[in-house]
């Protein structure tokens, strides 16, 4: 499945960045923890409207890279340019406010809360009324609550989880919890969605469902997606471009066909068994 973005079909939105143009640029980023180098001088970009995969063996620095992008880690060298603004240090809440949302390798949900309430938590940045109005639950605060709930219900319908909307997520099977976490990230209406192993631990049917939802999020919402994934069949099927990391270094970058034919990538990661 070739899904490459054609810059000639450029459409722009309010941020002035056209489809196919660079939305996020990672520039010579290095990250160390004491004497251990997690990331060494890595550069790559993510174009608006694409699905960009980040792959590599365990310990390659993939999650560390996502943590740099969304502000959880601050690199010792290099910078991130998002929507034309360069920065080295940013707080996670500032990254979220700028349009970056993410899911996590291990499900990070409020297990005692319902599916609906968990996804509503993703609307926090869209709630602008102060505590006084929220306490009254009247007028502007009520209208805001209704508008946000309407958006959440649209996401629930989109992800086909109407039947679990009132179920505490701690009671749900793992695959559905992953879908709820995706819904919470979508509730923030991000321009860049970071997915850290969205299909880890899933069976084949659950992976097919998640792949379909990721493609639909990209196509219907126009959301740019960067994902970490170990299932090479999924990566090759749904990605526009792939960057390959190994021991914190970049060893490959290109289309799925280019990456899987790279001898460096084959030697370090894919191998004959894949």
Protein backbone atom coordinates (compact mmCIF):
# COMPACT_ATOMS: atom_id res chain seq x y z
CA UNK A 1 0.00 0.00 0.00
CA UNK A 2 1.73 3.17 -1.19
CA UNK A 3 0.56 6.20 0.72
CA UNK A 4 3.19 8.78 -0.12
CA UNK A 5 2.23 12.44 0.19
CA UNK A 6 2.38 14.35 -3.08
CA UNK A 7 3.42 17.99 -2.46
CA UNK A 8 1.75 18.96 -5.72
CA UNK A 9 -1.58 18.17 -4.06
CA UNK A 10 -0.81 20.75 -1.37
CA UNK A 11 -3.61 22.04 0.81
CA UNK A 12 -2.90 24.26 3.78
CA UNK A 13 -4.79 24.95 6.98
CA UNK A 14 -4.64 27.65 9.63
CA UNK A 15 -0.98 27.07 10.50
CA UNK A 16 0.11 28.00 6.98
CA UNK A 17 1.83 24.66 6.41
CA UNK A 18 0.78 22.81 3.28
CA UNK A 19 0.23 19.08 3.02
CA UNK A 20 3.55 17.43 2.26
CA UNK A 21 5.64 20.25 3.75
CA UNK A 22 7.75 19.77 6.87
CA UNK A 23 5.65 20.00 10.04
CA UNK A 24 8.33 18.87 12.49
CA UNK A 25 12.10 18.87 11.98
CA UNK A 26 14.47 17.00 14.32
CA UNK A 27 17.89 18.63 14.03
CA UNK A 28 21.05 16.88 15.27
CA UNK A 29 19.47 15.74 18.53
CA UNK A 30 21.61 13.98 21.13
CA UNK A 31 20.37 12.76 24.51
CA UNK A 32 22.45 11.32 27.34
CA UNK A 33 21.62 9.84 30.71
CA UNK A 34 24.85 10.12 32.67
CA UNK A 35 27.42 8.36 30.52
CA UNK A 36 24.81 6.49 28.44
CA UNK A 37 23.93 7.90 25.03
CA UNK A 38 20.29 7.23 24.25
CA UNK A 39 20.28 9.29 21.04
CA UNK A 40 23.33 10.36 19.04
CA UNK A 41 23.14 13.23 16.53
CA UNK A 42 19.84 12.21 14.92
CA UNK A 43 18.10 14.29 12.26
CA UNK A 44 14.88 13.60 10.36
CA UNK A 45 11.63 15.35 9.53
CA UNK A 46 7.92 14.62 9.60
CA UNK A 47 5.83 16.02 6.77
CA UNK A 48 2.33 17.28 7.24
CA UNK A 49 -0.29 14.66 6.43
CA UNK A 50 1.98 11.62 6.46
CA UNK A 51 2.31 8.53 8.62
CA UNK A 52 5.95 8.40 9.72
CA UNK A 53 7.20 5.20 11.36
CA UNK A 54 10.15 5.01 13.76
CA UNK A 55 11.53 1.49 14.02
CA UNK A 56 14.51 -0.32 15.48
CA UNK A 57 15.43 -3.04 17.97
CA UNK A 58 14.80 -2.70 21.70
CA UNK A 59 17.05 -0.04 23.20
CA UNK A 60 17.44 1.81 19.90
CA UNK A 61 16.19 5.12 21.35
CA UNK A 62 12.72 5.20 19.78
CA UNK A 63 10.69 6.08 22.87
CA UNK A 64 13.40 8.50 23.98
CA UNK A 65 12.95 10.29 20.66
CA UNK A 66 9.19 10.60 21.20
CA UNK A 67 9.88 11.90 24.71
CA UNK A 68 12.14 14.59 23.23
CA UNK A 69 9.50 15.58 20.68
CA UNK A 70 6.73 16.00 23.27
CA UNK A 71 8.97 17.73 25.82
CA UNK A 72 9.36 15.00 28.42
CA UNK A 73 13.13 14.92 27.83
CA UNK A 74 15.38 17.85 26.98
CA UNK A 75 18.28 16.94 24.65
CA UNK A 76 21.81 18.05 25.46
CA UNK A 77 22.42 18.94 21.81
CA UNK A 78 20.22 19.76 18.87
CA UNK A 79 16.74 21.18 18.56
CA UNK A 80 13.18 20.51 17.43
CA UNK A 81 11.39 22.75 14.95
CA UNK A 82 7.59 22.43 15.07
CA UNK A 83 5.37 24.59 12.87
CA UNK A 84 8.38 26.75 12.07
CA UNK A 85 9.28 27.45 15.71
CA UNK A 86 12.62 26.15 16.94
CA UNK A 87 13.11 25.07 20.52
CA UNK A 88 15.39 22.91 22.60
CA UNK A 89 13.36 22.84 25.79
CA UNK A 90 9.58 22.69 26.16
CA UNK A 91 7.27 21.38 28.87
CA UNK A 92 4.90 18.54 27.95
CA UNK A 93 1.85 20.73 28.59
CA UNK A 94 3.28 23.34 26.21
CA UNK A 95 3.81 20.66 23.58
CA UNK A 96 0.21 19.55 24.05
CA UNK A 97 -1.04 23.13 23.77
CA UNK A 98 0.93 23.56 20.53
CA UNK A 99 -0.83 20.57 18.95
CA UNK A 100 1.19 17.47 19.89
CA UNK A 101 -0.62 14.53 21.52
CA UNK A 102 0.59 11.01 22.27
CA UNK A 103 -0.21 7.56 23.51
CA UNK A 104 2.14 5.43 25.57
CA UNK A 105 3.85 2.05 25.30
CA UNK A 106 2.08 0.98 28.49
CA UNK A 107 -1.57 1.99 28.65
CA UNK A 108 -1.90 5.14 30.77
CA UNK A 109 -5.60 5.48 31.51
CA UNK A 110 -7.68 6.25 34.60
CA UNK A 111 -8.73 2.66 35.26
CA UNK A 112 -11.62 3.47 37.60
CA UNK A 113 -13.18 5.97 35.19
CA UNK A 114 -15.46 5.16 32.28
CA UNK A 115 -14.47 5.22 28.63
CA UNK A 116 -16.43 8.45 28.20
CA UNK A 117 -14.73 10.18 31.13
CA UNK A 118 -11.26 9.05 30.03
CA UNK A 119 -11.77 10.53 26.58
CA UNK A 120 -13.27 13.69 28.13
CA UNK A 121 -9.96 14.10 29.96
CA UNK A 122 -8.39 14.69 26.56
CA UNK A 123 -10.55 17.80 26.15
CA UNK A 124 -8.90 19.61 29.08
CA UNK A 125 -7.15 22.13 26.82
CA UNK A 126 -10.48 22.94 25.17
CA UNK A 127 -12.09 23.92 28.49
CA UNK A 128 -11.60 27.65 28.91
CA UNK A 129 -14.14 28.63 31.57
CA UNK A 130 -12.76 29.32 35.02
CA UNK A 131 -13.46 27.37 38.18
CA UNK A 132 -16.30 29.70 39.20
CA UNK A 133 -18.31 29.01 36.03
CA UNK A 134 -17.57 25.29 36.21
CA UNK A 135 -18.75 25.21 39.81
CA UNK A 136 -22.04 26.85 38.82
CA UNK A 137 -22.36 24.53 35.82
CA UNK A 138 -24.52 27.17 34.15
CA UNK A 139 -24.43 29.42 31.12
CA UNK A 140 -21.05 29.49 29.33
CA UNK A 141 -19.66 26.56 31.34
CA UNK A 142 -22.68 24.41 30.53
CA UNK A 143 -22.48 25.26 26.81
CA UNK A 144 -18.78 24.47 26.83
CA UNK A 145 -19.40 21.12 28.55
CA UNK A 146 -22.09 20.20 26.01
CA UNK A 147 -19.82 21.10 23.07
CA UNK A 148 -16.96 19.04 24.47
CA UNK A 149 -19.20 16.06 25.17
CA UNK A 150 -20.52 16.25 21.62
CA UNK A 151 -16.94 16.06 20.32
CA UNK A 152 -16.18 13.09 22.57
CA UNK A 153 -19.31 11.27 21.40
CA UNK A 154 -18.15 11.76 17.80
CA UNK A 155 -14.82 10.14 18.67
CA UNK A 156 -16.58 7.25 20.43
CA UNK A 157 -18.68 6.66 17.31
CA UNK A 158 -15.61 6.94 15.07
CA UNK A 159 -13.73 4.31 17.10
CA UNK A 160 -16.80 2.06 17.30
CA UNK A 161 -16.77 1.85 21.11
CA UNK A 162 -20.33 2.97 21.83
CA UNK A 163 -21.01 -0.28 23.70
CA UNK A 164 -18.32 0.47 26.32
CA UNK A 165 -18.84 4.21 26.72
CA UNK A 166 -19.97 3.84 30.37
CA UNK A 167 -17.71 0.89 31.26
CA UNK A 168 -14.74 1.51 33.63
CA UNK A 169 -11.68 1.02 31.45
CA UNK A 170 -10.04 -1.23 34.05
CA UNK A 171 -12.61 -3.88 33.13
CA UNK A 172 -11.87 -3.74 29.40
CA UNK A 173 -9.64 -6.12 27.46
CA UNK A 174 -6.24 -4.75 26.50
CA UNK A 175 -7.09 -4.09 22.85
CA UNK A 176 -10.07 -1.92 23.77
CA UNK A 177 -8.01 -0.04 26.36
CA UNK A 178 -5.57 0.83 23.59
CA UNK A 179 -8.47 2.11 21.51
CA UNK A 180 -9.72 4.26 24.39
CA UNK A 181 -6.23 5.72 24.80
CA UNK A 182 -6.22 6.59 21.11
CA UNK A 183 -9.58 8.27 21.61
CA UNK A 184 -8.26 10.37 24.47
CA UNK A 185 -5.35 11.56 22.32
CA UNK A 186 -7.74 12.38 19.45
CA UNK A 187 -9.92 14.40 21.82
CA UNK A 188 -7.13 17.01 21.95
CA UNK A 189 -7.52 17.46 18.16
CA UNK A 190 -3.75 17.30 17.60
CA UNK A 191 -1.96 18.27 14.42
CA UNK A 192 0.77 15.73 15.29
CA UNK A 193 -0.14 12.44 16.97
CA UNK A 194 2.65 10.34 18.51
CA UNK A 195 1.81 6.64 18.95
CA UNK A 196 4.21 4.53 21.02
CA UNK A 197 3.69 0.88 20.03
CA UNK A 198 -0.08 1.20 19.50
CA UNK A 199 -0.39 -2.51 18.61
CA UNK A 200 1.86 -4.06 21.24
CA UNK A 201 0.28 -7.12 22.84
CA UNK A 202 -2.60 -7.30 20.37
CA UNK A 203 -3.81 -10.31 18.44
CA UNK A 204 -4.13 -10.24 14.65
CA UNK A 205 -7.74 -9.04 14.60
CA UNK A 206 -7.01 -6.22 17.06
CA UNK A 207 -3.99 -5.15 14.99
CA UNK A 208 -6.10 -5.02 11.85
CA UNK A 209 -8.67 -2.86 13.65
CA UNK A 210 -6.04 -0.49 15.03
CA UNK A 211 -4.33 -0.21 11.62
CA UNK A 212 -7.67 0.73 10.08
CA UNK A 213 -8.33 3.39 12.70
CA UNK A 214 -4.85 4.88 12.28
CA UNK A 215 -5.33 5.10 8.52
CA UNK A 216 -8.79 6.65 9.01
CA UNK A 217 -7.48 9.21 11.51
CA UNK A 218 -4.84 10.22 8.98
CA UNK A 219 -7.21 10.31 6.00
CA UNK A 220 -10.41 11.72 7.55
CA UNK A 221 -8.98 14.11 10.15
CA UNK A 222 -5.80 15.00 8.24
CA UNK A 223 -3.78 14.22 11.36
CA UNK A 224 -0.04 13.77 10.91
CA UNK A 225 1.10 10.61 12.70
CA UNK A 226 4.47 9.39 13.99
CA UNK A 227 4.42 5.87 15.35
CA UNK A 228 6.76 3.34 16.91
CA UNK A 229 5.89 -0.20 15.93
CA UNK A 230 7.66 -3.57 15.94
CA UNK A 231 5.30 -5.36 13.56
CA UNK A 232 7.07 -4.89 10.23
CA UNK A 233 4.04 -6.00 8.24
CA UNK A 234 2.04 -3.16 9.78
CA UNK A 235 4.87 -0.65 9.29
CA UNK A 236 5.34 -1.50 5.65
CA UNK A 237 1.59 -1.43 4.96
CA UNK A 238 0.53 1.85 6.56
CA UNK A 239 3.64 4.09 6.60
CA UNK A 240 4.60 6.73 4.08
CA UNK A 241 8.19 6.91 5.31
CA UNK A 242 10.29 5.08 7.87
CA UNK A 243 13.26 6.13 9.98
CA UNK A 244 15.38 3.36 11.49
CA UNK A 245 17.34 3.70 14.74
CA UNK A 246 19.96 1.36 16.18
CA UNK A 247 21.81 1.97 19.46
CA UNK A 248 20.71 5.61 19.34
CA UNK A 249 21.97 6.21 15.80
CA UNK A 250 20.01 6.66 12.59
CA UNK A 251 20.87 3.90 10.13
CA UNK A 252 18.04 4.26 7.61
CA UNK A 253 15.48 6.76 6.35
CA UNK A 254 13.15 6.55 3.38
CA UNK A 255 10.09 4.85 1.95
CA UNK A 256 9.19 1.39 3.24
CA UNK A 257 10.63 -0.19 0.08
CA UNK A 258 13.88 1.77 0.40
CA UNK A 259 14.29 0.88 4.07
CA UNK A 260 13.60 -2.83 3.76
CA UNK A 261 16.16 -3.11 0.94
CA UNK A 262 18.89 -1.27 2.87
CA UNK A 263 21.72 -3.61 3.81
CA UNK A 264 22.48 -1.64 7.00
CA UNK A 265 18.89 -2.04 8.15
CA UNK A 266 18.81 -5.74 7.22
CA UNK A 267 22.03 -6.41 9.12
CA UNK A 268 21.02 -4.46 12.23
CA UNK A 269 17.34 -5.16 12.51
CA UNK A 270 15.30 -6.91 9.85
CA UNK A 271 17.48 -9.93 9.12
CA UNK A 272 16.43 -12.92 7.07
CA UNK A 273 13.76 -14.03 9.57
CA UNK A 274 11.67 -10.94 8.85
